Amino acid sequence: MEYRYELLKKKLDEMYPEIAKHGIEVSLHFEQSKNTYLVTFKKGAHKATTDLHKKDAEDCINNVKCVYLGEQIGEFIRNFKSTK
């Protein structure tokens, strides 16, 4: 079953409220050849991209918090704050 981008994005927003708190834009793109989602975080001129494997995306949708993705979000926020 393919999950819709909107559903995954909504779950990410729910699980990681720091995304909205810091005004970070999130976009998703599925890479069929890698069976992974490319997750792009953007705020102003700052941008970072990370992979979210399809299994991890399914876990997120099923309310299993993705530690790796949480670390990536935290790192982006720290990096963004340090460039102000």
PDB file of N, CA and C in Angstrom:
ATOM      1  N   MET A   1       0.835  -1.183   0.000  1.00  0.00           N
ATOM      2  CA  MET A   1       0.000   0.000   0.000  1.00  0.00           C
ATOM      3  C   MET A   1       0.880   1.248   0.000  1.00  0.00           C
ATOM      4  N   GLU A   2       0.657   2.096  -0.962  1.00  0.00           N
ATOM      5  CA  GLU A   2       1.410   3.343  -1.055  1.00  0.00           C
ATOM      6  C   GLU A   2       0.787   4.399  -0.162  1.00  0.00           C
ATOM      7  N   TYR A   3       1.596   5.032   0.646  1.00  0.00           N
ATOM      8  CA  TYR A   3       1.097   6.107   1.495  1.00  0.00           C
ATOM      9  C   TYR A   3       1.178   7.424   0.737  1.00  0.00           C
ATOM     10  N   ARG A   4       0.187   8.234   0.954  1.00  0.00           N
ATOM     11  CA  ARG A   4       0.171   9.543   0.308  1.00  0.00           C
ATOM     12  C   ARG A   4       1.138  10.474   1.017  1.00  0.00           C
ATOM     13  N   TYR A   5       1.727  11.352   0.229  1.00  0.00           N
ATOM     14  CA  TYR A   5       2.679  12.315   0.780  1.00  0.00           C
ATOM     15  C   TYR A   5       2.042  13.143   1.898  1.00  0.00           C
ATOM     16  N   GLU A   6       0.794  13.534   1.688  1.00  0.00           N
ATOM     17  CA  GLU A   6       0.118  14.379   2.669  1.00  0.00           C
ATOM     18  C   GLU A   6      -0.003  13.673   4.020  1.00  0.00           C
ATOM     19  N   LEU A   7      -0.299  12.390   3.994  1.00  0.00           N
ATOM     20  CA  LEU A   7      -0.436  11.627   5.229  1.00  0.00           C
ATOM     21  C   LEU A   7       0.902  11.526   5.954  1.00  0.00           C
ATOM     22  N   LEU A   8       1.953  11.244   5.222  1.00  0.00           N
ATOM     23  CA  LEU A   8       3.281  11.162   5.815  1.00  0.00           C
ATOM     24  C   LEU A   8       3.706  12.518   6.365  1.00  0.00           C
ATOM     25  N   LYS A   9       3.483  13.567   5.599  1.00  0.00           N
ATOM     26  CA  LYS A   9       3.854  14.912   6.046  1.00  0.00           C
ATOM     27  C   LYS A   9       3.093  15.272   7.318  1.00  0.00           C
ATOM     28  N   LYS A  10       1.816  14.960   7.360  1.00  0.00           N
ATOM     29  CA  LYS A  10       1.000  15.249   8.537  1.00  0.00           C
ATOM     30  C   LYS A  10       1.549  14.518   9.759  1.00  0.00           C
ATOM     31  N   LYS A  11       1.922  13.265   9.590  1.00  0.00           N
ATOM     32  CA  LYS A  11       2.486  12.489  10.693  1.00  0.00           C
ATOM     33  C   LYS A  11       3.811  13.084  11.153  1.00  0.00           C
ATOM     34  N   LEU A  12       4.646  13.493  10.213  1.00  0.00           N
ATOM     35  CA  LEU A  12       5.926  14.103  10.585  1.00  0.00           C
ATOM     36  C   LEU A  12       5.690  15.378  11.385  1.00  0.00           C
ATOM     37  N   ASP A  13       4.730  16.170  10.939  1.00  0.00           N
ATOM     38  CA  ASP A  13       4.399  17.407  11.660  1.00  0.00           C
ATOM     39  C   ASP A  13       3.896  17.108  13.067  1.00  0.00           C
ATOM     40  N   GLU A  14       3.089  16.049  13.215  1.00  0.00           N
ATOM     41  CA  GLU A  14       2.567  15.660  14.525  1.00  0.00           C
ATOM     42  C   GLU A  14       3.672  15.144  15.441  1.00  0.00           C
ATOM     43  N   MET A  15       4.551  14.323  14.903  1.00  0.00           N
ATOM     44  CA  MET A  15       5.584  13.684  15.707  1.00  0.00           C
ATOM     45  C   MET A  15       6.742  14.624  16.041  1.00  0.00           C
ATOM     46  N   TYR A  16       6.951  15.604  15.208  1.00  0.00           N
ATOM     47  CA  TYR A  16       8.079  16.527  15.384  1.00  0.00           C
ATOM     48  C   TYR A  16       7.570  17.963  15.380  1.00  0.00           C
ATOM     49  N   PRO A  17       6.943  18.405  16.480  1.00  0.00           N
ATOM     50  CA  PRO A  17       6.374  19.761  16.525  1.00  0.00           C
ATOM     51  C   PRO A  17       7.423  20.860  16.367  1.00  0.00           C
ATOM     52  N   GLU A  18       8.692  20.525  16.568  1.00  0.00           N
ATOM     53  CA  GLU A  18       9.745  21.525  16.386  1.00  0.00           C
ATOM     54  C   GLU A  18       9.835  22.012  14.942  1.00  0.00           C
ATOM     55  N   ILE A  19       9.302  21.242  14.003  1.00  0.00           N
ATOM     56  CA  ILE A  19       9.285  21.672  12.601  1.00  0.00           C
ATOM     57  C   ILE A  19       8.472  22.963  12.486  1.00  0.00           C
ATOM     58  N   ALA A  20       7.246  22.941  12.972  1.00  0.00           N
ATOM     59  CA  ALA A  20       6.386  24.136  12.908  1.00  0.00           C
ATOM     60  C   ALA A  20       6.889  25.224  13.832  1.00  0.00           C
ATOM     61  N   LYS A  21       7.349  24.822  15.018  1.00  0.00           N
ATOM     62  CA  LYS A  21       7.830  25.789  16.004  1.00  0.00           C
ATOM     63  C   LYS A  21       8.926  26.683  15.429  1.00  0.00           C
ATOM     64  N   HIS A  22       9.774  26.107  14.594  1.00  0.00           N
ATOM     65  CA  HIS A  22      10.886  26.857  14.012  1.00  0.00           C
ATOM     66  C   HIS A  22      10.603  27.333  12.585  1.00  0.00           C
ATOM     67  N   GLY A  23       9.374  27.151  12.112  1.00  0.00           N
ATOM     68  CA  GLY A  23       8.996  27.635  10.782  1.00  0.00           C
ATOM     69  C   GLY A  23       9.730  26.948   9.647  1.00  0.00           C
ATOM     70  N   ILE A  24       9.988  25.666   9.809  1.00  0.00           N
ATOM     71  CA  ILE A  24      10.724  24.905   8.793  1.00  0.00           C
ATOM     72  C   ILE A  24       9.740  24.319   7.790  1.00  0.00           C
ATOM     73  N   GLU A  25      10.027  24.496   6.525  1.00  0.00           N
ATOM     74  CA  GLU A  25       9.228  23.885   5.459  1.00  0.00           C
ATOM     75  C   GLU A  25       9.761  22.479   5.214  1.00  0.00           C
ATOM     76  N   VAL A  26       8.861  21.533   5.005  1.00  0.00           N
ATOM     77  CA  VAL A  26       9.249  20.156   4.722  1.00  0.00           C
ATOM     78  C   VAL A  26       8.625  19.732   3.403  1.00  0.00           C
ATOM     79  N   SER A  27       9.448  19.150   2.545  1.00  0.00           N
ATOM     80  CA  SER A  27       8.904  18.590   1.306  1.00  0.00           C
ATOM     81  C   SER A  27       9.399  17.153   1.168  1.00  0.00           C
ATOM     82  N   LEU A  28       8.604  16.352   0.475  1.00  0.00           N
ATOM     83  CA  LEU A  28       8.901  14.933   0.307  1.00  0.00           C
ATOM     84  C   LEU A  28       8.912  14.581  -1.173  1.00  0.00           C
ATOM     85  N   HIS A  29       9.820  13.702  -1.526  1.00  0.00           N
ATOM     86  CA  HIS A  29       9.882  13.196  -2.892  1.00  0.00           C
ATOM     87  C   HIS A  29      10.285  11.723  -2.806  1.00  0.00           C
ATOM     88  N   PHE A  30       9.504  10.834  -3.424  1.00  0.00           N
ATOM     89  CA  PHE A  30       9.828   9.410  -3.373  1.00  0.00           C
ATOM     90  C   PHE A  30      10.773   9.043  -4.500  1.00  0.00           C
ATOM     91  N   GLU A  31      11.894   8.422  -4.135  1.00  0.00           N
ATOM     92  CA  GLU A  31      12.879   7.930  -5.102  1.00  0.00           C
ATOM     93  C   GLU A  31      12.641   6.433  -5.286  1.00  0.00           C
ATOM     94  N   GLN A  32      11.958   6.088  -6.353  1.00  0.00           N
ATOM     95  CA  GLN A  32      11.599   4.691  -6.626  1.00  0.00           C
ATOM     96  C   GLN A  32      12.835   3.796  -6.671  1.00  0.00           C
ATOM     97  N   SER A  33      13.903   4.261  -7.313  1.00  0.00           N
ATOM     98  CA  SER A  33      15.101   3.433  -7.479  1.00  0.00           C
ATOM     99  C   SER A  33      15.766   3.090  -6.148  1.00  0.00           C
ATOM    100  N   LYS A  34      15.618   3.947  -5.141  1.00  0.00           N
ATOM    101  CA  LYS A  34      16.212   3.711  -3.823  1.00  0.00           C
ATOM    102  C   LYS A  34      15.190   3.201  -2.805  1.00  0.00           C
ATOM    103  N   ASN A  35      13.912   3.215  -3.178  1.00  0.00           N
ATOM    104  CA  ASN A  35      12.820   2.841  -2.274  1.00  0.00           C
ATOM    105  C   ASN A  35      12.872   3.689  -1.001  1.00  0.00           C
ATOM    106  N   THR A  36      13.080   4.977  -1.200  1.00  0.00           N
ATOM    107  CA  THR A  36      13.235   5.903  -0.088  1.00  0.00           C
ATOM    108  C   THR A  36      12.606   7.251  -0.415  1.00  0.00           C
ATOM    109  N   TYR A  37      12.208   7.949   0.623  1.00  0.00           N
ATOM    110  CA  TYR A  37      11.722   9.321   0.467  1.00  0.00           C
ATOM    111  C   TYR A  37      12.891  10.263   0.706  1.00  0.00           C
ATOM    112  N   LEU A  38      13.007  11.266  -0.116  1.00  0.00           N
ATOM    113  CA  LEU A  38      13.938  12.350   0.154  1.00  0.00           C
ATOM    114  C   LEU A  38      13.147  13.394   0.915  1.00  0.00           C
ATOM    115  N   VAL A  39      13.599  13.707   2.108  1.00  0.00           N
ATOM    116  CA  VAL A  39      12.935  14.690   2.953  1.00  0.00           C
ATOM    117  C   VAL A  39      13.803  15.935   2.935  1.00  0.00           C
ATOM    118  N   THR A  40      13.221  17.043   2.501  1.00  0.00           N
ATOM    119  CA  THR A  40      13.958  18.299   2.427  1.00  0.00           C
ATOM    120  C   THR A  40      13.412  19.271   3.453  1.00  0.00           C
ATOM    121  N   PHE A  41      14.311  19.801   4.265  1.00  0.00           N
ATOM    122  CA  PHE A  41      13.984  20.826   5.250  1.00  0.00           C
ATOM    123  C   PHE A  41      14.489  22.143   4.708  1.00  0.00           C
ATOM    124  N   LYS A  42      13.670  23.184   4.819  1.00  0.00           N
ATOM    125  CA  LYS A  42      14.076  24.475   4.284  1.00  0.00           C
ATOM    126  C   LYS A  42      13.568  25.590   5.189  1.00  0.00           C
ATOM    127  N   LYS A  43      14.440  26.550   5.420  1.00  0.00           N
ATOM    128  CA  LYS A  43      14.051  27.769   6.112  1.00  0.00           C
ATOM    129  C   LYS A  43      14.904  28.887   5.517  1.00  0.00           C
ATOM    130  N   GLY A  44      14.242  29.808   4.856  1.00  0.00           N
ATOM    131  CA  GLY A  44      14.974  30.882   4.183  1.00  0.00           C
ATOM    132  C   GLY A  44      15.911  30.292   3.146  1.00  0.00           C
ATOM    133  N   ALA A  45      17.158  30.713   3.185  1.00  0.00           N
ATOM    134  CA  ALA A  45      18.152  30.224   2.228  1.00  0.00           C
ATOM    135  C   ALA A  45      18.788  28.906   2.671  1.00  0.00           C
ATOM    136  N   HIS A  46      18.440  28.420   3.846  1.00  0.00           N
ATOM    137  CA  HIS A  46      19.037  27.209   4.399  1.00  0.00           C
ATOM    138  C   HIS A  46      18.217  25.998   4.005  1.00  0.00           C
ATOM    139  N   LYS A  47      18.922  24.934   3.600  1.00  0.00           N
ATOM    140  CA  LYS A  47      18.245  23.741   3.115  1.00  0.00           C
ATOM    141  C   LYS A  47      19.081  22.515   3.469  1.00  0.00           C
ATOM    142  N   ALA A  48      18.411  21.439   3.845  1.00  0.00           N
ATOM    143  CA  ALA A  48      19.076  20.164   4.112  1.00  0.00           C
ATOM    144  C   ALA A  48      18.160  19.049   3.625  1.00  0.00           C
ATOM    145  N   THR A  49      18.765  17.986   3.126  1.00  0.00           N
ATOM    146  CA  THR A  49      18.002  16.848   2.624  1.00  0.00           C
ATOM    147  C   THR A  49      18.515  15.575   3.283  1.00  0.00           C
ATOM    148  N   THR A  50      17.598  14.687   3.617  1.00  0.00           N
ATOM    149  CA  THR A  50      17.964  13.398   4.180  1.00  0.00           C
ATOM    150  C   THR A  50      17.055  12.319   3.598  1.00  0.00           C
ATOM    151  N   ASP A  51      17.488  11.083   3.713  1.00  0.00           N
ATOM    152  CA  ASP A  51      16.695   9.949   3.232  1.00  0.00           C
ATOM    153  C   ASP A  51      15.825   9.412   4.357  1.00  0.00           C
ATOM    154  N   LEU A  52      14.620   8.998   4.001  1.00  0.00           N
ATOM    155  CA  LEU A  52      13.728   8.298   4.920  1.00  0.00           C
ATOM    156  C   LEU A  52      13.286   7.036   4.186  1.00  0.00           C
ATOM    157  N   HIS A  53      13.840   5.902   4.607  1.00  0.00           N
ATOM    158  CA  HIS A  53      13.512   4.647   3.929  1.00  0.00           C
ATOM    159  C   HIS A  53      12.023   4.352   4.051  1.00  0.00           C
ATOM    160  N   LYS A  54      11.508   3.679   3.062  1.00  0.00           N
ATOM    161  CA  LYS A  54      10.077   3.409   3.010  1.00  0.00           C
ATOM    162  C   LYS A  54       9.591   2.714   4.284  1.00  0.00           C
ATOM    163  N   LYS A  55      10.358   1.776   4.821  1.00  0.00           N
ATOM    164  CA  LYS A  55       9.991   1.090   6.066  1.00  0.00           C
ATOM    165  C   LYS A  55       9.867   2.096   7.200  1.00  0.00           C
ATOM    166  N   ASP A  56      10.811   3.040   7.296  1.00  0.00           N
ATOM    167  CA  ASP A  56      10.747   4.065   8.332  1.00  0.00           C
ATOM    168  C   ASP A  56       9.539   4.977   8.129  1.00  0.00           C
ATOM    169  N   ALA A  57       9.224   5.285   6.880  1.00  0.00           N
ATOM    170  CA  ALA A  57       8.045   6.107   6.583  1.00  0.00           C
ATOM    171  C   ALA A  57       6.783   5.382   7.044  1.00  0.00           C
ATOM    172  N   GLU A  58       6.726   4.076   6.794  1.00  0.00           N
ATOM    173  CA  GLU A  58       5.576   3.284   7.241  1.00  0.00           C
ATOM    174  C   GLU A  58       5.494   3.284   8.765  1.00  0.00           C
ATOM    175  N   ASP A  59       6.647   3.177   9.437  1.00  0.00           N
ATOM    176  CA  ASP A  59       6.661   3.231  10.898  1.00  0.00           C
ATOM    177  C   ASP A  59       6.134   4.577  11.393  1.00  0.00           C
ATOM    178  N   CYS A  60       6.566   5.660  10.749  1.00  0.00           N
ATOM    179  CA  CYS A  60       6.089   6.990  11.139  1.00  0.00           C
ATOM    180  C   CYS A  60       4.569   7.070  11.031  1.00  0.00           C
ATOM    181  N   ILE A  61       4.039   6.577   9.943  1.00  0.00           N
ATOM    182  CA  ILE A  61       2.596   6.622   9.737  1.00  0.00           C
ATOM    183  C   ILE A  61       1.882   5.790  10.806  1.00  0.00           C
ATOM    184  N   ASN A  62       2.556   4.761  11.302  1.00  0.00           N
ATOM    185  CA  ASN A  62       1.983   3.907  12.346  1.00  0.00           C
ATOM    186  C   ASN A  62       2.386   4.368  13.753  1.00  0.00           C
ATOM    187  N   ASN A  63       2.773   5.647  13.859  1.00  0.00           N
ATOM    188  CA  ASN A  63       3.097   6.286  15.141  1.00  0.00           C
ATOM    189  C   ASN A  63       4.348   5.764  15.827  1.00  0.00           C
ATOM    190  N   VAL A  64       5.294   5.214  15.064  1.00  0.00           N
ATOM    191  CA  VAL A  64       6.586   4.811  15.619  1.00  0.00           C
ATOM    192  C   VAL A  64       7.565   5.928  15.302  1.00  0.00           C
ATOM    193  N   LYS A  65       8.044   6.591  16.332  1.00  0.00           N
ATOM    194  CA  LYS A  65       8.911   7.745  16.134  1.00  0.00           C
ATOM    195  C   LYS A  65      10.230   7.299  15.527  1.00  0.00           C
ATOM    196  N   CYS A  66      10.670   8.014  14.561  1.00  0.00           N
ATOM    197  CA  CYS A  66      11.864   7.718  13.789  1.00  0.00           C
ATOM    198  C   CYS A  66      13.050   8.485  14.407  1.00  0.00           C
ATOM    199  N   VAL A  67      13.894   7.806  15.162  1.00  0.00           N
ATOM    200  CA  VAL A  67      14.989   8.458  15.879  1.00  0.00           C
ATOM    201  C   VAL A  67      15.944   9.147  14.905  1.00  0.00           C
ATOM    202  N   TYR A  68      16.316   8.462  13.828  1.00  0.00           N
ATOM    203  CA  TYR A  68      17.246   9.040  12.867  1.00  0.00           C
ATOM    204  C   TYR A  68      16.706  10.349  12.298  1.00  0.00           C
ATOM    205  N   LEU A  69      15.454  10.356  11.919  1.00  0.00           N
ATOM    206  CA  LEU A  69      14.866  11.572  11.347  1.00  0.00           C
ATOM    207  C   LEU A  69      14.817  12.678  12.393  1.00  0.00           C
ATOM    208  N   GLY A  70      14.490  12.334  13.622  1.00  0.00           N
ATOM    209  CA  GLY A  70      14.478  13.315  14.700  1.00  0.00           C
ATOM    210  C   GLY A  70      15.847  13.939  14.896  1.00  0.00           C
ATOM    211  N   GLU A  71      16.897  13.128  14.791  1.00  0.00           N
ATOM    212  CA  GLU A  71      18.266  13.646  14.901  1.00  0.00           C
ATOM    213  C   GLU A  71      18.568  14.599  13.751  1.00  0.00           C
ATOM    214  N   GLN A  72      18.118  14.267  12.556  1.00  0.00           N
ATOM    215  CA  GLN A  72      18.351  15.119  11.395  1.00  0.00           C
ATOM    216  C   GLN A  72      17.644  16.466  11.557  1.00  0.00           C
ATOM    217  N   ILE A  73      16.422  16.428  12.065  1.00  0.00           N
ATOM    218  CA  ILE A  73      15.671  17.668  12.294  1.00  0.00           C
ATOM    219  C   ILE A  73      16.404  18.516  13.332  1.00  0.00           C
ATOM    220  N   GLY A  74      16.845  17.885  14.427  1.00  0.00           N
ATOM    221  CA  GLY A  74      17.581  18.599  15.461  1.00  0.00           C
ATOM    222  C   GLY A  74      18.861  19.222  14.929  1.00  0.00           C
ATOM    223  N   GLU A  75      19.581  18.481  14.102  1.00  0.00           N
ATOM    224  CA  GLU A  75      20.820  19.003  13.523  1.00  0.00           C
ATOM    225  C   GLU A  75      20.539  20.195  12.610  1.00  0.00           C
ATOM    226  N   PHE A  76      19.483  20.105  11.805  1.00  0.00           N
ATOM    227  CA  PHE A  76      19.143  21.224  10.922  1.00  0.00           C
ATOM    228  C   PHE A  76      18.816  22.460  11.757  1.00  0.00           C
ATOM    229  N   ILE A  77      18.050  22.293  12.820  1.00  0.00           N
ATOM    230  CA  ILE A  77      17.684  23.426  13.670  1.00  0.00           C
ATOM    231  C   ILE A  77      18.937  24.031  14.301  1.00  0.00           C
ATOM    232  N   ARG A  78      19.838  23.188  14.830  1.00  0.00           N
ATOM    233  CA  ARG A  78      21.083  23.700  15.425  1.00  0.00           C
ATOM    234  C   ARG A  78      21.918  24.443  14.393  1.00  0.00           C
ATOM    235  N   ASN A  79      22.044  23.877  13.206  1.00  0.00           N
ATOM    236  CA  ASN A  79      22.830  24.523  12.147  1.00  0.00           C
ATOM    237  C   ASN A  79      22.193  25.841  11.721  1.00  0.00           C
ATOM    238  N   PHE A  80      20.872  25.859  11.616  1.00  0.00           N
ATOM    239  CA  PHE A  80      20.183  27.075  11.223  1.00  0.00           C
ATOM    240  C   PHE A  80      20.416  28.163  12.267  1.00  0.00           C
ATOM    241  N   LYS A  81      20.286  27.816  13.541  1.00  0.00           N
ATOM    242  CA  LYS A  81      20.466  28.799  14.598  1.00  0.00           C
ATOM    243  C   LYS A  81      21.895  29.342  14.623  1.00  0.00           C
ATOM    244  N   SER A  82      22.875  28.502  14.307  1.00  0.00           N
ATOM    245  CA  SER A  82      24.273  28.933  14.378  1.00  0.00           C
ATOM    246  C   SER A  82      24.658  29.851  13.232  1.00  0.00           C
ATOM    247  N   THR A  83      23.828  29.941  12.185  1.00  0.00           N
ATOM    248  CA  THR A  83      24.156  30.805  11.041  1.00  0.00           C
ATOM    249  C   THR A  83      23.465  32.155  11.108  1.00  0.00           C
ATOM    250  N   LYS A  84      22.670  32.378  12.146  1.00  0.00           N
ATOM    251  CA  LYS A  84      21.956  33.654  12.262  1.00  0.00           C
ATOM    252  C   LYS A  84      22.904  34.771  12.601  1.00  0.00           C
TER     253      LYS A  84
END
